[in-house]
Structures are given as C-alpha cells and as structure tokens.
Amino acid sequence: MPARSLTFATALGRMRLGWTAEGICALRFVDRPGREEAVQAPAWVMEAVRHLMAHLAGQPQNLAGIPLDLSDLTLFQQRVAKVLRSTRPGQTLTYGDVALLVGRPGAARAVGQAVRANPILLLVPCHRVVAADGPGGWSAFGTPERKARLLELERVTAG
C-alpha cells in the first residue's frame, strides 16, 4: 500500500510525515513551501503528530512506541535503525559505536551512509549519532543549529 503523507508545523520548522498501514515510513523537515493537501489521517498518525509537536516545543515525549514501517530500508539500515531506536534521550553514540553495536566494527563510514539515508528523523533518532570529535553531520536537519537544538531538547550540548 503506498504511503500517505501530511505536513505540519513545529517549533523547529515544518515537517512532512508519511505512513503506511504498518507505521510511519518518513519524517523530514520541509524548509521550502509546498502545496498543502487536506489529508484524512488515522487517529494513531494524528497522535504521533501531537507527540512530535510537543517534543519539538520542549515538552519531552516518549516517541519510542510510535509504530514504524522500515520495509524500504536495506537490512543494514534496519539494523542501524534498531540500534538508534534503542538509545535513550540524551544519549549519544559515535559512528564507530553504532558500527560495533550492529556487529560491523570498522564500518563507521557505512553507518554514516545509513544515518544520512534515514528517512524517519526523530523517530529513528539519527541526531544522537555524533562524530568522535564533535557533533558530526547535519544534512538531514537542514542546519547545524537544528541538530544542536534537537540535542539540547534532550539535554545534550553539541559542540
């Protein structure tokens, strides 16, 4: 079944969320204005949106229980996503740490590519992955300030 999607405003910018019958399959920041469509979303999707909006407004939420659909990811990307989903708010890991946890020591670059390809920001918390010498990449978030703000919301100081 193809994904449906909706766009909503948060304290850190507009986001687009996509879902299938299995769960959330996409969540990205949308920095360019786009055409809005009236979408009838299931109650569980609207509940996820409410949690995300509150979380990004500085009211910590438990996002771990929101169902995901990771079926479009490779097996390696799914293993990386599972490790990231198991991290706690405020916890950071290096790319090398994640490589060890997925059973691929020395595969920090491959982890970096999997993190960069993550289609479900926040719910697969790739913002918690940092370089060994600092906060690391931010391409998925649009700006380094946005990644730093996400870490701050979880009481982590980046940089």
C-alpha atoms as a PDB file:
ATOM      1  CA  MET A   1       0.000   0.000   0.000  1.00  0.00           C
ATOM      2  CA  PRO A   2       1.503   3.378  -0.942  1.00  0.00           C
ATOM      3  CA  ALA A   3       2.370   5.882   1.760  1.00  0.00           C
ATOM      4  CA  ARG A   4       0.076   8.771   2.560  1.00  0.00           C
ATOM      5  CA  SER A   5       1.565  11.974   3.917  1.00  0.00           C
ATOM      6  CA  LEU A   6       0.792  15.220   5.676  1.00  0.00           C
ATOM      7  CA  THR A   7       2.722  18.367   6.530  1.00  0.00           C
ATOM      8  CA  PHE A   8       2.553  20.083   9.910  1.00  0.00           C
ATOM      9  CA  ALA A   9       4.226  22.976  11.708  1.00  0.00           C
ATOM     10  CA  THR A  10       6.550  22.508  14.691  1.00  0.00           C
ATOM     11  CA  ALA A  11       8.647  24.827  16.841  1.00  0.00           C
ATOM     12  CA  LEU A  12      11.687  23.886  14.702  1.00  0.00           C
ATOM     13  CA  GLY A  13      10.008  24.164  11.304  1.00  0.00           C
ATOM     14  CA  ARG A  14       7.577  22.380   9.030  1.00  0.00           C
ATOM     15  CA  MET A  15       7.723  18.601   8.802  1.00  0.00           C
ATOM     16  CA  ARG A  16       6.310  16.068   6.374  1.00  0.00           C
ATOM     17  CA  LEU A  17       5.239  12.716   7.793  1.00  0.00           C
ATOM     18  CA  GLY A  18       4.469   9.684   5.632  1.00  0.00           C
ATOM     19  CA  TRP A  19       2.785   6.493   6.739  1.00  0.00           C
ATOM     20  CA  THR A  20       1.594   3.110   5.559  1.00  0.00           C
ATOM     21  CA  ALA A  21      -0.733   0.665   7.269  1.00  0.00           C
ATOM     22  CA  GLU A  22       2.361  -0.693   9.071  1.00  0.00           C
ATOM     23  CA  GLY A  23       3.595   2.587  10.556  1.00  0.00           C
ATOM     24  CA  ILE A  24       5.461   5.828   9.948  1.00  0.00           C
ATOM     25  CA  CYS A  25       7.774   5.444   6.927  1.00  0.00           C
ATOM     26  CA  ALA A  26       9.003   9.028   6.504  1.00  0.00           C
ATOM     27  CA  LEU A  27       9.545  12.106   8.639  1.00  0.00           C
ATOM     28  CA  ARG A  28      11.558  15.062   7.317  1.00  0.00           C
ATOM     29  CA  PHE A  29      11.918  18.766   7.824  1.00  0.00           C
ATOM     30  CA  VAL A  30      10.464  20.687   4.887  1.00  0.00           C
ATOM     31  CA  ASP A  31      12.138  24.060   4.523  1.00  0.00           C
ATOM     32  CA  ARG A  32      10.544  25.056   1.221  1.00  0.00           C
ATOM     33  CA  PRO A  33       6.886  25.990   0.985  1.00  0.00           C
ATOM     34  CA  GLY A  34       4.833  23.401  -0.802  1.00  0.00           C
ATOM     35  CA  ARG A  35       1.295  22.676  -1.813  1.00  0.00           C
ATOM     36  CA  GLU A  36      -0.774  21.618   1.159  1.00  0.00           C
ATOM     37  CA  GLU A  37      -3.420  18.960   0.766  1.00  0.00           C
ATOM     38  CA  ALA A  38      -6.282  18.125   3.071  1.00  0.00           C
ATOM     39  CA  VAL A  39      -5.464  14.634   4.266  1.00  0.00           C
ATOM     40  CA  GLN A  40      -7.598  12.424   6.434  1.00  0.00           C
ATOM     41  CA  ALA A  41      -5.086  10.711   8.706  1.00  0.00           C
ATOM     42  CA  PRO A  42      -5.844   7.842  11.086  1.00  0.00           C
ATOM     43  CA  ALA A  43      -6.064   8.656  14.787  1.00  0.00           C
ATOM     44  CA  TRP A  44      -2.713   6.971  15.536  1.00  0.00           C
ATOM     45  CA  VAL A  45      -0.978   9.228  12.994  1.00  0.00           C
ATOM     46  CA  MET A  46      -2.545  12.352  14.493  1.00  0.00           C
ATOM     47  CA  GLU A  47      -1.468  11.173  17.955  1.00  0.00           C
ATOM     48  CA  ALA A  48       2.108  10.777  16.647  1.00  0.00           C
ATOM     49  CA  VAL A  49       1.932  14.322  15.215  1.00  0.00           C
ATOM     50  CA  ARG A  50       0.767  15.681  18.596  1.00  0.00           C
ATOM     51  CA  HIS A  51       3.674  13.934  20.355  1.00  0.00           C
ATOM     52  CA  LEU A  52       6.187  15.249  17.812  1.00  0.00           C
ATOM     53  CA  MET A  53       4.884  18.812  18.061  1.00  0.00           C
ATOM     54  CA  ALA A  54       5.029  18.740  21.872  1.00  0.00           C
ATOM     55  CA  HIS A  55       8.514  17.202  21.835  1.00  0.00           C
ATOM     56  CA  LEU A  56       9.856  19.852  19.496  1.00  0.00           C
ATOM     57  CA  ALA A  57       8.236  22.561  21.640  1.00  0.00           C
ATOM     58  CA  GLY A  58      10.405  21.438  24.574  1.00  0.00           C
ATOM     59  CA  GLN A  59       7.950  19.072  26.254  1.00  0.00           C
ATOM     60  CA  PRO A  60       9.773  15.697  26.278  1.00  0.00           C
ATOM     61  CA  GLN A  61       7.701  12.856  24.874  1.00  0.00           C
ATOM     62  CA  ASN A  62       8.206   9.115  24.678  1.00  0.00           C
ATOM     63  CA  LEU A  63       8.484   8.639  20.909  1.00  0.00           C
ATOM     64  CA  ALA A  64       9.736   5.038  21.087  1.00  0.00           C
ATOM     65  CA  GLY A  65       6.267   3.490  20.926  1.00  0.00           C
ATOM     66  CA  ILE A  66       5.234   5.090  17.645  1.00  0.00           C
ATOM     67  CA  PRO A  67       4.990   2.294  15.049  1.00  0.00           C
ATOM     68  CA  LEU A  68       7.400   2.435  12.125  1.00  0.00           C
ATOM     69  CA  ASP A  69       7.482   0.848   8.679  1.00  0.00           C
ATOM     70  CA  LEU A  70      11.159   0.179   7.885  1.00  0.00           C
ATOM     71  CA  SER A  71      10.455  -2.155   4.964  1.00  0.00           C
ATOM     72  CA  ASP A  72      12.016   0.209   2.390  1.00  0.00           C
ATOM     73  CA  LEU A  73      15.373   0.143   4.215  1.00  0.00           C
ATOM     74  CA  THR A  74      18.176  -2.314   3.488  1.00  0.00           C
ATOM     75  CA  LEU A  75      18.876  -4.929   6.167  1.00  0.00           C
ATOM     76  CA  PHE A  76      21.954  -2.971   7.270  1.00  0.00           C
ATOM     77  CA  GLN A  77      19.940   0.255   7.504  1.00  0.00           C
ATOM     78  CA  GLN A  78      17.290  -1.604   9.516  1.00  0.00           C
ATOM     79  CA  ARG A  79      19.975  -2.830  11.954  1.00  0.00           C
ATOM     80  CA  VAL A  80      21.301   0.723  12.340  1.00  0.00           C
ATOM     81  CA  ALA A  81      17.734   1.996  12.869  1.00  0.00           C
ATOM     82  CA  LYS A  82      17.133  -0.633  15.566  1.00  0.00           C
ATOM     83  CA  VAL A  83      20.283   0.453  17.429  1.00  0.00           C
ATOM     84  CA  LEU A  84      19.277   4.111  17.183  1.00  0.00           C
ATOM     85  CA  ARG A  85      15.736   3.349  18.378  1.00  0.00           C
ATOM     86  CA  SER A  86      17.245   1.667  21.451  1.00  0.00           C
ATOM     87  CA  THR A  87      19.130   4.811  22.523  1.00  0.00           C
ATOM     88  CA  ARG A  88      17.691   6.933  25.305  1.00  0.00           C
ATOM     89  CA  PRO A  89      17.006  10.639  25.027  1.00  0.00           C
ATOM     90  CA  GLY A  90      20.196  12.449  25.997  1.00  0.00           C
ATOM     91  CA  GLN A  91      22.430   9.530  24.990  1.00  0.00           C
ATOM     92  CA  THR A  92      24.788   9.963  22.050  1.00  0.00           C
ATOM     93  CA  LEU A  93      26.815   7.412  20.137  1.00  0.00           C
ATOM     94  CA  THR A  94      29.655   7.835  17.687  1.00  0.00           C
ATOM     95  CA  TYR A  95      29.503   6.328  14.212  1.00  0.00           C
ATOM     96  CA  GLY A  96      32.094   3.812  15.418  1.00  0.00           C
ATOM     97  CA  ASP A  97      29.934   2.902  18.440  1.00  0.00           C
ATOM     98  CA  VAL A  98      26.988   2.168  16.164  1.00  0.00           C
ATOM     99  CA  ALA A  99      29.212   0.075  13.871  1.00  0.00           C
ATOM    100  CA  LEU A 100      30.220  -2.062  16.861  1.00  0.00           C
ATOM    101  CA  LEU A 101      26.616  -2.419  18.015  1.00  0.00           C
ATOM    102  CA  VAL A 102      25.442  -3.636  14.589  1.00  0.00           C
ATOM    103  CA  GLY A 103      28.265  -6.183  14.523  1.00  0.00           C
ATOM    104  CA  ARG A 104      30.381  -4.402  11.894  1.00  0.00           C
ATOM    105  CA  PRO A 105      33.438  -2.989  13.676  1.00  0.00           C
ATOM    106  CA  GLY A 106      35.297  -0.624  11.404  1.00  0.00           C
ATOM    107  CA  ALA A 107      32.184   0.199   9.378  1.00  0.00           C
ATOM    108  CA  ALA A 108      31.750   3.739  10.697  1.00  0.00           C
ATOM    109  CA  ARG A 109      31.535   5.132   7.149  1.00  0.00           C
ATOM    110  CA  ALA A 110      28.788   2.657   6.247  1.00  0.00           C
ATOM    111  CA  VAL A 111      26.940   3.689   9.405  1.00  0.00           C
ATOM    112  CA  GLY A 112      27.356   7.315   8.322  1.00  0.00           C
ATOM    113  CA  GLN A 113      25.725   6.497   4.978  1.00  0.00           C
ATOM    114  CA  ALA A 114      22.873   4.647   6.723  1.00  0.00           C
ATOM    115  CA  VAL A 115      22.345   7.590   9.077  1.00  0.00           C
ATOM    116  CA  ARG A 116      22.404  10.029   6.166  1.00  0.00           C
ATOM    117  CA  ALA A 117      19.771   7.932   4.352  1.00  0.00           C
ATOM    118  CA  ASN A 118      17.491   7.727   7.410  1.00  0.00           C
ATOM    119  CA  PRO A 119      14.009   8.621   6.153  1.00  0.00           C
ATOM    120  CA  ILE A 120      12.418   8.882   9.605  1.00  0.00           C
ATOM    121  CA  LEU A 121      14.028  11.721  11.569  1.00  0.00           C
ATOM    122  CA  LEU A 122      13.449  11.903  15.321  1.00  0.00           C
ATOM    123  CA  LEU A 123      11.681   8.530  15.450  1.00  0.00           C
ATOM    124  CA  VAL A 124      14.891   6.873  14.286  1.00  0.00           C
ATOM    125  CA  PRO A 125      16.978   9.345  16.286  1.00  0.00           C
ATOM    126  CA  CYS A 126      19.952   9.839  13.988  1.00  0.00           C
ATOM    127  CA  HIS A 127      20.577  13.218  15.648  1.00  0.00           C
ATOM    128  CA  ARG A 128      22.028  11.190  18.551  1.00  0.00           C
ATOM    129  CA  VAL A 129      24.905   9.987  16.361  1.00  0.00           C
ATOM    130  CA  VAL A 130      27.913  12.258  16.639  1.00  0.00           C
ATOM    131  CA  ALA A 131      31.424  12.245  15.229  1.00  0.00           C
ATOM    132  CA  ALA A 132      34.205  11.187  17.583  1.00  0.00           C
ATOM    133  CA  ASP A 133      35.436  14.801  17.606  1.00  0.00           C
ATOM    134  CA  GLY A 134      32.144  16.716  17.728  1.00  0.00           C
ATOM    135  CA  PRO A 135      28.513  16.853  16.669  1.00  0.00           C
ATOM    136  CA  GLY A 136      29.037  15.452  13.174  1.00  0.00           C
ATOM    137  CA  GLY A 137      26.836  15.828  10.134  1.00  0.00           C
ATOM    138  CA  TRP A 138      23.525  17.602   9.908  1.00  0.00           C
ATOM    139  CA  SER A 139      22.457  17.255   6.288  1.00  0.00           C
ATOM    140  CA  ALA A 140      19.150  15.641   7.222  1.00  0.00           C
ATOM    141  CA  PHE A 141      18.284  18.507   9.543  1.00  0.00           C
ATOM    142  CA  GLY A 142      18.972  21.419   7.192  1.00  0.00           C
ATOM    143  CA  THR A 143      21.302  23.305   9.522  1.00  0.00           C
ATOM    144  CA  PRO A 144      23.822  22.513  12.247  1.00  0.00           C
ATOM    145  CA  GLU A 145      21.732  24.710  14.570  1.00  0.00           C
ATOM    146  CA  ARG A 146      18.704  22.450  14.129  1.00  0.00           C
ATOM    147  CA  LYS A 147      20.677  19.332  15.060  1.00  0.00           C
ATOM    148  CA  ALA A 148      22.147  21.185  18.056  1.00  0.00           C
ATOM    149  CA  ARG A 149      18.624  22.229  19.099  1.00  0.00           C
ATOM    150  CA  LEU A 150      17.390  18.640  18.903  1.00  0.00           C
ATOM    151  CA  LEU A 151      20.256  17.563  21.152  1.00  0.00           C
ATOM    152  CA  GLU A 152      19.546  20.468  23.524  1.00  0.00           C
ATOM    153  CA  LEU A 153      15.925  19.343  23.816  1.00  0.00           C
ATOM    154  CA  GLU A 154      17.327  16.058  25.116  1.00  0.00           C
ATOM    155  CA  ARG A 155      19.733  17.872  27.447  1.00  0.00           C
ATOM    156  CA  VAL A 156      22.840  17.178  25.355  1.00  0.00           C
ATOM    157  CA  THR A 157      25.146  20.027  24.415  1.00  0.00           C
ATOM    158  CA  ALA A 158      26.587  19.695  20.908  1.00  0.00           C
ATOM    159  CA  GLY A 159      29.950  21.234  20.057  1.00  0.00           C
END
